[in-house]
Amino acid sequence: MPTNKLTHLDSEGSAHMVDIGDKPVTARRAVAEGRVRISGALAAAIRSNTLAKGNLLDVARLAGIQAAKRTDELIPLCHSLPLDAIHVEATLVDCAIHLRAEARTSWKTGVEMEALTAVTVAALTVVDMGKAIDKAMTIEGVRIVEKSGGRSGDFSAEKQAGA
């Protein structure tokens, strides 16, 4: 049963890392998404693969994978966990880069932060690689789309929106 208690606060309200020692190892999965709004000029450069820094979509995808593997180094209270898989997609659709990351593990804690970190760093990589052409890019809609496994159960943003 889901709880509304903030698990990263101790009895005095101080932040701490949650003790997961007694939790069972279970299969867990999380999917995150986001997008970067870009100009028509940048979209054209991506389509023709003429950016000075290389193939933006490939580099963003690889940056997301690398970031997911280092989430515990970036987010102070995240546990280190063994990723079974991380898959990142970066797709140009009109004047936006659509980003999607799926992270999987068999462990004691969820992989939502790894999926979110993958999408966010991939989005930042898009901005870094495209800023010479488009300084007005906007990162939007970064969120968890779905998750499964663990004590809090499954979540689907689509089902939640329809409820």
Protein backbone atom coordinates (compact mmCIF):
# COMPACT_ATOMS: atom_id res chain seq x y z
CA MET A 1 0.00 0.00 0.00
CA PRO A 2 1.49 3.38 -0.99
CA THR A 3 2.46 5.76 1.79
CA ASN A 4 2.68 9.54 1.80
CA LYS A 5 5.55 9.58 4.32
CA LEU A 6 8.77 11.15 3.05
CA THR A 7 11.25 8.30 3.43
CA HIS A 8 14.38 10.45 3.11
CA LEU A 9 13.68 12.37 6.33
CA ASP A 10 14.52 11.08 9.79
CA SER A 11 12.46 11.76 12.94
CA GLU A 12 14.06 15.21 13.31
CA GLY A 13 13.40 16.13 9.67
CA SER A 14 17.01 15.73 8.53
CA ALA A 15 17.77 14.17 5.17
CA HIS A 16 19.30 10.70 5.22
CA MET A 17 19.78 7.72 2.94
CA VAL A 18 16.98 5.17 3.34
CA ASP A 19 18.04 1.81 4.78
CA ILE A 20 17.07 -0.84 2.21
CA GLY A 21 18.96 -3.68 3.92
CA ASP A 22 15.85 -5.69 4.81
CA LYS A 23 14.05 -5.19 1.51
CA PRO A 24 13.83 -8.17 -0.87
CA VAL A 25 15.48 -8.14 -4.29
CA THR A 26 12.76 -7.83 -6.95
CA ALA A 27 12.60 -7.07 -10.66
CA ARG A 28 12.08 -3.35 -11.20
CA ARG A 29 11.55 -1.23 -14.29
CA ALA A 30 11.05 2.48 -14.93
CA VAL A 31 10.40 4.48 -18.09
CA ALA A 32 10.95 8.24 -18.31
CA GLU A 33 10.40 10.70 -21.12
CA GLY A 34 11.08 14.31 -22.00
CA ARG A 35 11.67 16.51 -25.00
CA VAL A 36 13.72 19.45 -26.16
CA ARG A 37 11.99 22.06 -28.32
CA ILE A 38 14.37 23.24 -31.03
CA SER A 39 14.37 25.66 -33.97
CA GLY A 40 13.75 24.69 -37.57
CA ALA A 41 17.36 25.54 -38.37
CA LEU A 42 18.67 23.13 -35.74
CA ALA A 43 16.22 20.42 -36.84
CA ALA A 44 17.52 20.79 -40.41
CA ALA A 45 21.14 20.50 -39.22
CA ILE A 46 20.30 17.37 -37.23
CA ARG A 47 18.49 15.81 -40.21
CA SER A 48 21.47 16.49 -42.48
CA ASN A 49 23.96 15.50 -39.73
CA THR A 50 26.00 18.67 -40.26
CA LEU A 51 26.60 19.74 -36.65
CA ALA A 52 30.24 20.45 -35.88
CA LYS A 53 30.13 18.26 -32.76
CA GLY A 54 28.81 15.19 -34.61
CA ASN A 55 25.60 13.17 -34.65
CA LEU A 56 23.46 14.83 -31.99
CA LEU A 57 20.96 11.98 -31.60
CA ASP A 58 23.64 9.31 -31.14
CA VAL A 59 25.66 11.40 -28.69
CA ALA A 60 22.57 12.33 -26.65
CA ARG A 61 21.54 8.67 -26.46
CA LEU A 62 25.02 7.62 -25.28
CA ALA A 63 25.14 10.49 -22.76
CA GLY A 64 21.85 9.27 -21.31
CA ILE A 65 23.16 5.73 -20.94
CA GLN A 66 26.34 6.94 -19.27
CA ALA A 67 24.39 9.23 -16.93
CA ALA A 68 22.04 6.46 -15.80
CA LYS A 69 25.06 4.40 -14.75
CA ARG A 70 26.31 7.32 -12.59
CA THR A 71 23.04 8.42 -10.98
CA ASP A 72 24.22 7.60 -7.46
CA GLU A 73 27.17 9.98 -7.95
CA LEU A 74 24.87 12.83 -9.03
CA ILE A 75 21.87 12.55 -6.69
CA PRO A 76 23.02 12.69 -3.05
CA LEU A 77 20.62 10.17 -1.46
CA CYS A 78 20.37 7.63 -4.30
CA HIS A 79 21.60 4.12 -3.71
CA SER A 80 24.14 2.48 -5.99
CA LEU A 81 22.34 -0.25 -7.84
CA PRO A 82 23.24 -2.78 -10.50
CA LEU A 83 21.52 -1.91 -13.77
CA ASP A 84 20.41 -4.92 -15.74
CA ALA A 85 19.67 -2.69 -18.74
CA ILE A 86 19.32 0.92 -19.79
CA HIS A 87 17.86 1.79 -23.16
CA VAL A 88 17.69 5.40 -24.36
CA GLU A 89 15.96 6.67 -27.50
CA ALA A 90 16.48 10.11 -29.04
CA THR A 91 14.19 10.90 -31.96
CA LEU A 92 13.74 14.04 -34.03
CA VAL A 93 10.02 14.78 -34.53
CA ASP A 94 9.30 18.07 -36.31
CA CYS A 95 11.00 20.72 -34.14
CA ALA A 96 11.56 18.60 -31.04
CA ILE A 97 13.89 15.89 -29.86
CA HIS A 98 11.81 13.23 -28.09
CA LEU A 99 13.74 11.35 -25.40
CA ARG A 100 12.73 8.11 -23.72
CA ALA A 101 14.69 5.95 -21.30
CA GLU A 102 13.90 2.53 -19.88
CA ALA A 103 15.93 1.28 -16.93
CA ARG A 104 15.74 -2.21 -15.44
CA THR A 105 17.29 -3.85 -12.40
CA SER A 106 16.81 -6.74 -10.03
CA TRP A 107 17.48 -5.00 -6.74
CA LYS A 108 16.08 -3.65 -3.47
CA THR A 109 15.17 -0.19 -4.72
CA GLY A 110 13.62 1.33 -7.81
CA VAL A 111 15.22 2.70 -10.97
CA GLU A 112 13.08 5.80 -11.48
CA MET A 113 15.98 8.16 -10.79
CA GLU A 114 18.20 6.33 -13.28
CA ALA A 115 15.56 6.67 -16.02
CA LEU A 116 15.00 10.35 -15.18
CA THR A 117 18.74 11.05 -15.08
CA ALA A 118 19.18 9.40 -18.48
CA VAL A 119 16.48 11.57 -20.06
CA THR A 120 17.67 14.76 -18.37
CA VAL A 121 21.34 14.37 -19.30
CA ALA A 122 20.37 13.39 -22.84
CA ALA A 123 18.33 16.62 -23.00
CA LEU A 124 21.25 18.66 -21.67
CA THR A 125 23.47 17.06 -24.31
CA VAL A 126 21.03 18.17 -27.02
CA VAL A 127 21.28 21.72 -25.67
CA ASP A 128 25.08 21.57 -25.52
CA MET A 129 25.46 20.24 -29.04
CA GLY A 130 22.86 22.53 -30.60
CA LYS A 131 23.46 25.83 -28.80
CA ALA A 132 25.62 27.28 -31.58
CA ILE A 133 22.55 27.22 -33.85
CA ASP A 134 19.71 27.59 -31.32
CA LYS A 135 20.22 29.37 -28.03
CA ALA A 136 16.48 29.34 -27.22
CA MET A 137 15.96 25.56 -26.81
CA THR A 138 13.56 24.47 -24.07
CA ILE A 139 13.64 21.23 -22.09
CA GLU A 140 10.07 20.11 -21.36
CA GLY A 141 7.95 17.36 -19.92
CA VAL A 142 10.56 15.30 -18.09
CA ARG A 143 8.60 12.72 -16.12
CA ILE A 144 8.17 9.10 -15.17
CA VAL A 145 5.82 7.45 -17.64
CA GLU A 146 5.61 4.09 -15.90
CA LYS A 147 7.25 1.95 -13.28
CA SER A 148 6.85 -1.58 -12.02
CA GLY A 149 8.13 -3.64 -9.13
CA GLY A 150 8.74 -2.89 -5.52
CA ARG A 151 6.58 -2.30 -2.48
CA SER A 152 4.73 0.73 -3.86
CA GLY A 153 3.51 -1.26 -6.86
CA ASP A 154 3.05 -0.32 -10.47
CA PHE A 155 2.47 3.18 -11.85
CA SER A 156 1.33 4.39 -15.25
CA ALA A 157 1.07 8.13 -16.00
CA GLU A 158 -1.46 7.33 -18.73
CA LYS A 159 -3.71 5.38 -16.34
CA GLN A 160 -3.28 8.05 -13.65
CA ALA A 161 -4.36 10.78 -16.08
CA GLY A 162 -7.46 8.81 -17.02
CA ALA A 163 -8.47 8.24 -13.39
